[in-house]
Amino acid sequence: LLRWRRDGSRFHAQFVILGIYPENMCRNLGMMRYYLVPTEGFSCKPMMIVRGHSLEVINSPVMEPGELIAALSNPESHALLARDFWYREHETQPQLYHYARVLRIADSIASVVERKRTRSRIYSGEEPAGIDITVAIAEHFAREVRAAGSTPLVLLIPMRDLLDRHAGSDVFPLVKALRERALDVLDLGPAIAREALARGVAPLFTAQGHLSAEGNRLLAQNLESELRPWFDAVQH
């Protein structure tokens, strides 16, 4: 949405596509990468929160390195971090048991397990916060794109770890929520899941979970197929 506002709107395209990767539901709830994935460093990003019928952007521009270090070193004094869904105060405060290495390791493992379970609940919709903010962002995107005279489309790019949820007869929860808000969704999850079932996951995804070159080729082919009716409608 921010990229559309800054860069995309000036192109006056007939169609504007908002790509959503399911993990975006988790990322949209936080601004500090460390709190979401403690093993992946201390980068930060803007974050959107719902205010009535509008979206407020916080941490934009993002904190400068010095401010970021100060915030992470003493998060309780930084009100902005309280808005981060993945922030856990008990994880940033020294505890007596931290002096015992075994207990410290056990605490870290428990933290990883808790986040994994929370992620699963976000993907399934049991924890609605991730779907709610992602749908809100998509709705604002669609309204702004329509106001600019273009047609908004939402593209779901499937995750390797969630292919089984795309392979069944049930619609992926995020896709269902987006369509309930009358948004046009190009859901490529089922097509990629079917291909993975026929050929295996390895040719389509890298070990890190991202689409491989072959996976991206397949995604592009299916996207072209999904877009064809929209292009034909414009031409006629």
Protein backbone atom coordinates (compact mmCIF):
# COMPACT_ATOMS: atom_id res chain seq x y z
CA LEU A 1 0.00 0.00 0.00
CA LEU A 2 2.81 2.42 0.83
CA ARG A 3 4.58 1.54 -2.40
CA TRP A 4 1.40 2.17 -4.36
CA ARG A 5 1.05 5.58 -2.75
CA ARG A 6 4.68 6.52 -3.35
CA ASP A 7 5.39 4.93 -6.74
CA GLY A 8 2.53 3.03 -8.32
CA SER A 9 -0.21 5.65 -8.66
CA ARG A 10 1.77 7.77 -11.13
CA PHE A 11 1.73 5.02 -13.78
CA HIS A 12 -2.08 5.15 -14.25
CA ALA A 13 -2.22 1.40 -15.02
CA GLN A 14 -5.45 -0.30 -16.00
CA PHE A 15 -4.87 -3.00 -13.37
CA VAL A 16 -2.99 -2.76 -10.09
CA ILE A 17 -2.18 -5.96 -8.20
CA LEU A 18 -1.57 -6.20 -4.47
CA GLY A 19 0.51 -9.34 -3.85
CA ILE A 20 -0.04 -11.01 -0.51
CA TYR A 21 2.10 -13.81 0.89
CA PRO A 22 0.34 -15.55 3.82
CA GLU A 23 3.19 -14.67 6.17
CA ASN A 24 2.29 -11.02 5.56
CA MET A 25 -0.56 -11.62 8.03
CA CYS A 26 2.12 -12.11 10.70
CA ARG A 27 4.41 -9.36 9.44
CA ASN A 28 1.57 -6.83 9.27
CA LEU A 29 1.16 -7.15 13.04
CA GLY A 30 4.66 -6.00 13.93
CA MET A 31 7.41 -3.53 13.18
CA MET A 32 10.44 -5.25 14.74
CA ARG A 33 11.70 -8.33 12.93
CA TYR A 34 13.44 -9.52 16.09
CA TYR A 35 10.15 -9.91 17.96
CA LEU A 36 8.62 -11.98 15.17
CA VAL A 37 11.73 -14.08 14.40
CA PRO A 38 14.34 -13.67 17.17
CA THR A 39 17.01 -15.41 15.06
CA GLU A 40 16.88 -12.97 12.12
CA GLY A 41 18.29 -9.68 13.35
CA PHE A 42 17.00 -6.27 14.34
CA SER A 43 15.58 -4.61 11.24
CA CYS A 44 12.37 -2.61 11.55
CA LYS A 45 9.64 -1.40 9.21
CA PRO A 46 6.51 0.76 9.19
CA MET A 47 3.34 -0.71 10.63
CA MET A 48 -0.34 0.05 10.06
CA ILE A 49 -3.05 0.09 12.71
CA VAL A 50 -6.78 0.60 12.28
CA ARG A 51 -8.18 3.89 13.61
CA GLY A 52 -11.93 3.91 13.14
CA HIS A 53 -12.40 3.66 9.37
CA SER A 54 -8.86 4.70 8.49
CA LEU A 55 -5.35 3.30 8.69
CA GLU A 56 -2.64 5.01 10.69
CA VAL A 57 0.97 4.40 9.71
CA ILE A 58 3.40 4.27 12.61
CA ASN A 59 7.20 3.98 12.66
CA SER A 60 7.34 5.86 9.36
CA PRO A 61 9.96 6.94 8.63
CA VAL A 62 11.54 4.04 10.44
CA MET A 63 13.73 4.58 13.48
CA GLU A 64 17.30 5.65 12.88
CA PRO A 65 19.91 3.09 14.06
CA GLY A 66 20.61 4.94 17.31
CA GLU A 67 16.95 5.22 18.22
CA LEU A 68 16.35 1.58 17.28
CA ILE A 69 19.19 0.42 19.54
CA ALA A 70 17.85 2.53 22.41
CA ALA A 71 14.32 1.21 21.89
CA LEU A 72 15.38 -2.43 21.82
CA SER A 73 17.67 -1.94 24.80
CA ASN A 74 14.88 -0.48 26.92
CA PRO A 75 11.60 -1.37 25.18
CA GLU A 76 9.38 -0.64 28.18
CA SER A 77 10.23 3.04 27.85
CA HIS A 78 9.32 3.15 24.16
CA ALA A 79 5.53 3.39 23.76
CA LEU A 80 5.68 2.52 20.07
CA LEU A 81 6.81 -1.03 20.78
CA ALA A 82 3.67 -1.71 22.79
CA ARG A 83 1.79 -1.73 19.45
CA ASP A 84 3.90 -4.62 18.17
CA PHE A 85 1.80 -7.78 18.38
CA TRP A 86 4.91 -9.96 18.75
CA TYR A 87 6.46 -8.03 21.62
CA ARG A 88 6.54 -9.99 24.88
CA GLU A 89 7.56 -7.94 27.90
CA HIS A 90 8.61 -11.00 29.92
CA GLU A 91 11.11 -11.89 27.18
CA THR A 92 12.94 -8.56 27.38
CA GLN A 93 13.20 -8.32 31.17
CA PRO A 94 16.02 -10.07 33.06
CA GLN A 95 14.77 -12.95 35.17
CA LEU A 96 16.53 -14.85 37.93
CA TYR A 97 16.28 -18.11 36.03
CA HIS A 98 18.25 -16.56 33.13
CA TYR A 99 21.37 -17.18 35.20
CA ALA A 100 20.85 -20.91 34.62
CA ARG A 101 21.85 -21.79 31.07
CA VAL A 102 19.55 -24.81 30.88
CA LEU A 103 16.54 -22.74 31.94
CA ARG A 104 17.50 -19.96 29.54
CA ILE A 105 17.60 -22.46 26.68
CA ALA A 106 14.27 -23.94 27.76
CA ASP A 107 12.74 -20.46 27.83
CA SER A 108 14.01 -19.76 24.31
CA ILE A 109 12.56 -23.03 23.02
CA ALA A 110 9.22 -22.25 24.67
CA SER A 111 9.23 -18.85 22.96
CA VAL A 112 9.82 -20.40 19.54
CA VAL A 113 7.02 -22.94 20.10
CA GLU A 114 4.61 -20.22 21.26
CA ARG A 115 5.28 -18.12 18.16
CA LYS A 116 4.87 -21.13 15.88
CA ARG A 117 1.49 -21.93 17.44
CA THR A 118 0.41 -18.31 17.18
CA ARG A 119 1.42 -18.20 13.52
CA SER A 120 -0.69 -21.30 12.87
CA ARG A 121 -3.69 -19.70 14.60
CA ILE A 122 -3.24 -16.57 12.50
CA TYR A 123 -3.16 -18.56 9.24
CA SER A 124 -6.28 -20.50 10.24
CA GLY A 125 -8.13 -17.39 11.42
CA GLU A 126 -8.45 -18.64 15.01
CA GLU A 127 -6.43 -15.56 15.95
CA PRO A 128 -8.24 -12.92 13.83
CA ALA A 129 -5.77 -10.06 14.22
CA GLY A 130 -3.65 -11.07 11.21
CA ILE A 131 -6.58 -11.42 8.83
CA ASP A 132 -8.24 -8.26 10.14
CA ILE A 133 -5.29 -5.94 9.49
CA THR A 134 -4.44 -7.58 6.15
CA VAL A 135 -8.02 -7.21 4.91
CA ALA A 136 -8.07 -3.60 6.12
CA ILE A 137 -4.90 -2.86 4.15
CA ALA A 138 -6.35 -4.55 1.05
CA GLU A 139 -9.60 -2.58 1.35
CA HIS A 140 -7.77 0.74 1.58
CA PHE A 141 -5.61 -0.29 -1.37
CA ALA A 142 -8.69 -1.13 -3.43
CA ARG A 143 -10.45 2.14 -2.61
CA GLU A 144 -7.41 4.23 -3.49
CA VAL A 145 -6.78 2.34 -6.73
CA ARG A 146 -10.42 2.70 -7.82
CA ALA A 147 -10.34 6.40 -6.97
CA ALA A 148 -7.31 6.72 -9.27
CA GLY A 149 -9.31 5.16 -12.13
CA SER A 150 -7.64 1.73 -12.09
CA THR A 151 -8.91 -1.76 -11.30
CA PRO A 152 -7.55 -3.32 -8.08
CA LEU A 153 -6.81 -7.04 -7.85
CA VAL A 154 -5.43 -9.02 -4.92
CA LEU A 155 -3.01 -11.86 -5.62
CA LEU A 156 -2.39 -14.62 -3.09
CA ILE A 157 1.11 -16.13 -3.45
CA PRO A 158 1.15 -19.50 -1.64
CA MET A 159 3.62 -20.53 1.05
CA ARG A 160 5.37 -23.89 0.98
CA ASP A 161 4.45 -24.66 4.61
CA LEU A 162 0.75 -24.03 3.93
CA LEU A 163 0.29 -25.97 0.69
CA ASP A 164 -1.85 -28.58 2.44
CA ARG A 165 -4.34 -25.84 3.37
CA HIS A 166 -4.61 -24.86 -0.30
CA ALA A 167 -4.99 -28.45 -1.54
CA GLY A 168 -8.28 -29.14 0.24
CA SER A 169 -11.78 -28.13 -0.75
CA ASP A 170 -11.98 -25.33 1.81
CA VAL A 171 -11.05 -21.83 0.69
CA PHE A 172 -7.97 -20.43 2.43
CA PRO A 173 -9.28 -18.29 5.35
CA LEU A 174 -7.63 -15.07 4.19
CA VAL A 175 -9.00 -15.50 0.67
CA LYS A 176 -12.47 -16.10 2.08
CA ALA A 177 -12.25 -12.96 4.23
CA LEU A 178 -11.06 -10.84 1.30
CA ARG A 179 -13.85 -12.06 -0.96
CA GLU A 180 -16.44 -11.42 1.75
CA ARG A 181 -15.40 -7.76 1.47
CA ALA A 182 -16.13 -7.86 -2.28
CA LEU A 183 -12.44 -7.79 -3.25
CA ASP A 184 -11.36 -9.56 -6.43
CA VAL A 185 -8.82 -12.21 -5.44
CA LEU A 186 -6.55 -14.21 -7.72
CA ASP A 187 -5.82 -17.21 -5.50
CA LEU A 188 -2.91 -19.19 -6.92
CA GLY A 189 -2.70 -21.46 -3.88
CA PRO A 190 -4.75 -24.38 -5.31
CA ALA A 191 -2.89 -24.41 -8.64
CA ILE A 192 0.55 -24.44 -7.00
CA ALA A 193 -0.60 -27.02 -4.45
CA ARG A 194 -1.82 -29.35 -7.22
CA GLU A 195 1.48 -29.01 -9.06
CA ALA A 196 3.42 -29.68 -5.86
CA LEU A 197 1.34 -32.79 -5.25
CA ALA A 198 2.07 -34.07 -8.75
CA ARG A 199 5.77 -33.14 -8.97
CA GLY A 200 6.86 -32.76 -5.37
CA VAL A 201 7.63 -29.60 -3.45
CA ALA A 202 11.40 -29.50 -4.09
CA PRO A 203 11.26 -28.33 -7.75
CA LEU A 204 8.97 -25.42 -6.86
CA PHE A 205 10.41 -24.09 -3.60
CA THR A 206 13.91 -23.46 -2.28
CA ALA A 207 15.12 -24.90 1.00
CA GLN A 208 14.41 -21.50 2.60
CA GLY A 209 10.76 -21.74 1.57
CA HIS A 210 10.71 -19.21 -1.26
CA LEU A 211 9.57 -20.04 -4.77
CA SER A 212 12.35 -21.39 -6.96
CA ALA A 213 12.91 -20.25 -10.54
CA GLU A 214 10.61 -23.06 -11.68
CA GLY A 215 8.06 -22.12 -9.02
CA ASN A 216 8.08 -18.51 -10.17
CA ARG A 217 7.65 -19.62 -13.78
CA LEU A 218 4.63 -21.68 -12.78
CA LEU A 219 3.25 -18.80 -10.74
CA ALA A 220 3.62 -16.43 -13.72
CA GLN A 221 1.88 -18.88 -16.06
CA ASN A 222 -1.06 -19.27 -13.70
CA LEU A 223 -1.23 -15.54 -13.08
CA GLU A 224 -1.39 -14.90 -16.82
CA SER A 225 -4.23 -17.43 -17.07
CA GLU A 226 -6.11 -15.76 -14.20
CA LEU A 227 -5.65 -12.30 -15.72
CA ARG A 228 -6.71 -13.27 -19.23
CA PRO A 229 -10.49 -12.85 -18.60
CA TRP A 230 -9.84 -9.39 -17.14
CA PHE A 231 -7.79 -8.36 -20.19
CA ASP A 232 -10.39 -9.77 -22.57
CA ALA A 233 -13.16 -7.87 -20.79
CA VAL A 234 -11.27 -4.60 -21.25
CA GLN A 235 -10.61 -5.29 -24.94
CA HIS A 236 -14.28 -5.99 -25.58
